[in-house]
Amino acid sequence: MAQLPSDSADKQVGQRIQMRRKELGITAQHLAELVDISHQQLSRYERGTNKINVAHLVNIAITLDTPISWFFIDCFTEPDGNKQKQLEYVPVKDADLKSRFEKIWPRLTHKQRRILIMLLDEYTKQ
């Protein structure tokens, strides 16, 4: 059965919050305002120095349009120490996918874009 390592769970959840926030192009200050917490408190959550309040995590998940379980993906390990296999979160609606792609694409280098296109070509071959 999977175990939750409590010493690193806060840090892992915080890293996921920061990852999703940046993926959506939202500043820490803006997210803090949207979920009605201080910028400093959000920073402490993202660094894992404070345990996150469940109500705050629910508000963050709703604001970032992300299933709450996604924030815990990295928190579970098997008894042998290996990570438990989990599916990555992908928005369901095509509009969400397109929006995420449009935010990520400009940050890619020419080489990364080329590799991504080659991957998609290979993946979609019949």
C-alpha atoms as a PDB file:
ATOM      1  CA  MET A   1       0.000   0.000   0.000  1.00  0.00           C
ATOM      2  CA  ALA A   2       1.221   3.519  -0.806  1.00  0.00           C
ATOM      3  CA  GLN A   3       2.549   5.689   1.999  1.00  0.00           C
ATOM      4  CA  LEU A   4       2.539   9.465   2.316  1.00  0.00           C
ATOM      5  CA  PRO A   5       5.934  10.744   3.442  1.00  0.00           C
ATOM      6  CA  SER A   6       4.798  13.613   5.672  1.00  0.00           C
ATOM      7  CA  ASP A   7       8.191  15.322   5.758  1.00  0.00           C
ATOM      8  CA  SER A   8       8.166  16.073   2.030  1.00  0.00           C
ATOM      9  CA  ALA A   9       4.433  16.161   1.235  1.00  0.00           C
ATOM     10  CA  ASP A  10       4.057  19.881   1.988  1.00  0.00           C
ATOM     11  CA  LYS A  11       6.969  20.703  -0.282  1.00  0.00           C
ATOM     12  CA  GLN A  12       5.680  18.491  -3.108  1.00  0.00           C
ATOM     13  CA  VAL A  13       2.169  19.954  -2.942  1.00  0.00           C
ATOM     14  CA  GLY A  14       3.661  23.453  -2.885  1.00  0.00           C
ATOM     15  CA  GLN A  15       5.788  22.706  -5.936  1.00  0.00           C
ATOM     16  CA  ARG A  16       2.692  21.502  -7.783  1.00  0.00           C
ATOM     17  CA  ILE A  17       0.810  24.692  -6.869  1.00  0.00           C
ATOM     18  CA  GLN A  18       3.683  26.770  -8.210  1.00  0.00           C
ATOM     19  CA  MET A  19       4.005  24.618 -11.344  1.00  0.00           C
ATOM     20  CA  ARG A  20       0.310  24.949 -12.228  1.00  0.00           C
ATOM     21  CA  ARG A  21       0.252  28.667 -11.400  1.00  0.00           C
ATOM     22  CA  LYS A  22       3.214  29.348 -13.686  1.00  0.00           C
ATOM     23  CA  GLU A  23       1.794  27.093 -16.379  1.00  0.00           C
ATOM     24  CA  LEU A  24      -1.290  29.303 -16.436  1.00  0.00           C
ATOM     25  CA  GLY A  25       0.782  32.491 -16.400  1.00  0.00           C
ATOM     26  CA  ILE A  26      -0.596  33.697 -13.065  1.00  0.00           C
ATOM     27  CA  THR A  27       1.657  35.645 -10.709  1.00  0.00           C
ATOM     28  CA  ALA A  28       1.910  34.587  -7.081  1.00  0.00           C
ATOM     29  CA  GLN A  29       0.519  37.958  -6.025  1.00  0.00           C
ATOM     30  CA  HIS A  30      -2.526  37.569  -8.282  1.00  0.00           C
ATOM     31  CA  LEU A  31      -3.239  33.995  -7.159  1.00  0.00           C
ATOM     32  CA  ALA A  32      -2.949  35.059  -3.518  1.00  0.00           C
ATOM     33  CA  GLU A  33      -5.505  37.807  -4.149  1.00  0.00           C
ATOM     34  CA  LEU A  34      -7.845  35.409  -5.968  1.00  0.00           C
ATOM     35  CA  VAL A  35      -7.843  32.912  -3.081  1.00  0.00           C
ATOM     36  CA  ASP A  36      -7.859  35.611  -0.398  1.00  0.00           C
ATOM     37  CA  ILE A  37      -4.555  34.853   1.322  1.00  0.00           C
ATOM     38  CA  SER A  38      -1.425  36.944   1.678  1.00  0.00           C
ATOM     39  CA  HIS A  39       1.309  36.758  -0.932  1.00  0.00           C
ATOM     40  CA  GLN A  40       3.687  35.736   1.864  1.00  0.00           C
ATOM     41  CA  GLN A  41       1.429  32.853   2.908  1.00  0.00           C
ATOM     42  CA  LEU A  42       1.185  31.580  -0.673  1.00  0.00           C
ATOM     43  CA  SER A  43       4.976  31.771  -0.915  1.00  0.00           C
ATOM     44  CA  ARG A  44       5.319  29.694   2.260  1.00  0.00           C
ATOM     45  CA  TYR A  45       2.882  27.123   0.835  1.00  0.00           C
ATOM     46  CA  GLU A  46       4.775  26.939  -2.466  1.00  0.00           C
ATOM     47  CA  ARG A  47       8.124  26.480  -0.670  1.00  0.00           C
ATOM     48  CA  GLY A  48       6.618  23.884   1.663  1.00  0.00           C
ATOM     49  CA  THR A  49       7.606  25.767   4.794  1.00  0.00           C
ATOM     50  CA  ASN A  50       3.979  25.896   6.017  1.00  0.00           C
ATOM     51  CA  LYS A  51       1.408  23.127   5.992  1.00  0.00           C
ATOM     52  CA  ILE A  52      -1.345  24.149   3.603  1.00  0.00           C
ATOM     53  CA  ASN A  53      -4.791  24.789   4.983  1.00  0.00           C
ATOM     54  CA  VAL A  54      -7.273  22.428   3.289  1.00  0.00           C
ATOM     55  CA  ALA A  55      -9.732  25.243   2.584  1.00  0.00           C
ATOM     56  CA  HIS A  56      -6.934  27.212   0.923  1.00  0.00           C
ATOM     57  CA  LEU A  57      -5.939  24.217  -1.206  1.00  0.00           C
ATOM     58  CA  VAL A  58      -9.551  23.745  -2.298  1.00  0.00           C
ATOM     59  CA  ASN A  59      -9.738  27.424  -3.297  1.00  0.00           C
ATOM     60  CA  ILE A  60      -6.410  27.187  -5.123  1.00  0.00           C
ATOM     61  CA  ALA A  61      -7.549  24.055  -7.000  1.00  0.00           C
ATOM     62  CA  ILE A  62     -10.803  25.745  -8.030  1.00  0.00           C
ATOM     63  CA  THR A  63      -9.017  28.942  -9.054  1.00  0.00           C
ATOM     64  CA  LEU A  64      -6.423  27.033 -11.083  1.00  0.00           C
ATOM     65  CA  ASP A  65      -9.146  24.794 -12.583  1.00  0.00           C
ATOM     66  CA  THR A  66      -7.259  21.700 -11.459  1.00  0.00           C
ATOM     67  CA  PRO A  67      -8.489  18.566  -9.682  1.00  0.00           C
ATOM     68  CA  ILE A  68      -7.305  18.680  -6.086  1.00  0.00           C
ATOM     69  CA  SER A  69      -5.853  15.176  -6.388  1.00  0.00           C
ATOM     70  CA  TRP A  70      -3.368  16.453  -8.988  1.00  0.00           C
ATOM     71  CA  PHE A  71      -1.511  18.370  -6.268  1.00  0.00           C
ATOM     72  CA  PHE A  72      -0.800  15.085  -4.449  1.00  0.00           C
ATOM     73  CA  ILE A  73       0.522  13.021  -7.364  1.00  0.00           C
ATOM     74  CA  ASP A  74       4.153  13.198  -6.224  1.00  0.00           C
ATOM     75  CA  CYS A  75       3.314  12.509  -2.576  1.00  0.00           C
ATOM     76  CA  PHE A  76       2.692   8.800  -2.804  1.00  0.00           C
ATOM     77  CA  THR A  77       5.366   6.119  -2.780  1.00  0.00           C
ATOM     78  CA  GLU A  78       5.231   2.359  -2.685  1.00  0.00           C
ATOM     79  CA  PRO A  79       6.751   0.526   0.329  1.00  0.00           C
ATOM     80  CA  ASP A  80       9.871  -0.189  -1.768  1.00  0.00           C
ATOM     81  CA  GLY A  81      10.403   3.579  -2.170  1.00  0.00           C
ATOM     82  CA  ASN A  82       9.343   3.762  -5.822  1.00  0.00           C
ATOM     83  CA  LYS A  83       6.846   6.395  -6.876  1.00  0.00           C
ATOM     84  CA  GLN A  84       3.319   5.150  -7.336  1.00  0.00           C
ATOM     85  CA  LYS A  85       2.330   5.351 -10.999  1.00  0.00           C
ATOM     86  CA  GLN A  86      -0.148   8.169 -11.518  1.00  0.00           C
ATOM     87  CA  LEU A  87      -1.697   9.745 -14.571  1.00  0.00           C
ATOM     88  CA  GLU A  88      -0.807  13.345 -15.318  1.00  0.00           C
ATOM     89  CA  TYR A  89      -3.627  15.868 -15.268  1.00  0.00           C
ATOM     90  CA  VAL A  90      -4.797  17.049 -18.653  1.00  0.00           C
ATOM     91  CA  PRO A  91      -7.773  19.388 -18.994  1.00  0.00           C
ATOM     92  CA  VAL A  92     -10.770  17.726 -20.577  1.00  0.00           C
ATOM     93  CA  LYS A  93     -11.934  20.513 -22.862  1.00  0.00           C
ATOM     94  CA  ASP A  94     -10.096  21.125 -26.136  1.00  0.00           C
ATOM     95  CA  ALA A  95     -10.230  24.869 -25.460  1.00  0.00           C
ATOM     96  CA  ASP A  96      -8.261  24.311 -22.242  1.00  0.00           C
ATOM     97  CA  LEU A  97      -5.683  22.219 -24.064  1.00  0.00           C
ATOM     98  CA  LYS A  98      -5.343  24.834 -26.783  1.00  0.00           C
ATOM     99  CA  SER A  99      -4.957  27.588 -24.208  1.00  0.00           C
ATOM    100  CA  ARG A 100      -2.247  25.663 -22.358  1.00  0.00           C
ATOM    101  CA  PHE A 101      -0.439  24.927 -25.614  1.00  0.00           C
ATOM    102  CA  GLU A 102      -0.525  28.591 -26.630  1.00  0.00           C
ATOM    103  CA  LYS A 103       1.013  29.593 -23.275  1.00  0.00           C
ATOM    104  CA  ILE A 104       3.749  26.959 -23.440  1.00  0.00           C
ATOM    105  CA  TRP A 105       4.711  27.276 -27.135  1.00  0.00           C
ATOM    106  CA  PRO A 106       6.349  30.742 -26.924  1.00  0.00           C
ATOM    107  CA  ARG A 107       8.578  29.575 -24.066  1.00  0.00           C
ATOM    108  CA  LEU A 108      10.031  26.732 -26.145  1.00  0.00           C
ATOM    109  CA  THR A 109      13.294  27.084 -28.009  1.00  0.00           C
ATOM    110  CA  HIS A 110      13.404  26.357 -31.723  1.00  0.00           C
ATOM    111  CA  LYS A 111      15.008  22.986 -30.944  1.00  0.00           C
ATOM    112  CA  GLN A 112      12.299  22.106 -28.389  1.00  0.00           C
ATOM    113  CA  ARG A 113       9.565  23.046 -30.877  1.00  0.00           C
ATOM    114  CA  ARG A 114      11.175  20.881 -33.543  1.00  0.00           C
ATOM    115  CA  ILE A 115      11.430  17.909 -31.173  1.00  0.00           C
ATOM    116  CA  LEU A 116       7.823  18.355 -30.056  1.00  0.00           C
ATOM    117  CA  ILE A 117       6.565  18.417 -33.634  1.00  0.00           C
ATOM    118  CA  MET A 118       8.627  15.327 -34.472  1.00  0.00           C
ATOM    119  CA  LEU A 119       7.157  13.580 -31.417  1.00  0.00           C
ATOM    120  CA  LEU A 120       3.623  14.491 -32.448  1.00  0.00           C
ATOM    121  CA  ASP A 121       4.294  13.310 -36.006  1.00  0.00           C
ATOM    122  CA  GLU A 122       5.556   9.981 -34.677  1.00  0.00           C
ATOM    123  CA  TYR A 123       2.742   9.654 -32.153  1.00  0.00           C
ATOM    124  CA  THR A 124       0.001  10.255 -34.716  1.00  0.00           C
ATOM    125  CA  LYS A 125       1.330   7.829 -37.349  1.00  0.00           C
ATOM    126  CA  GLN A 126      -1.136   5.107 -38.245  1.00  0.00           C
END
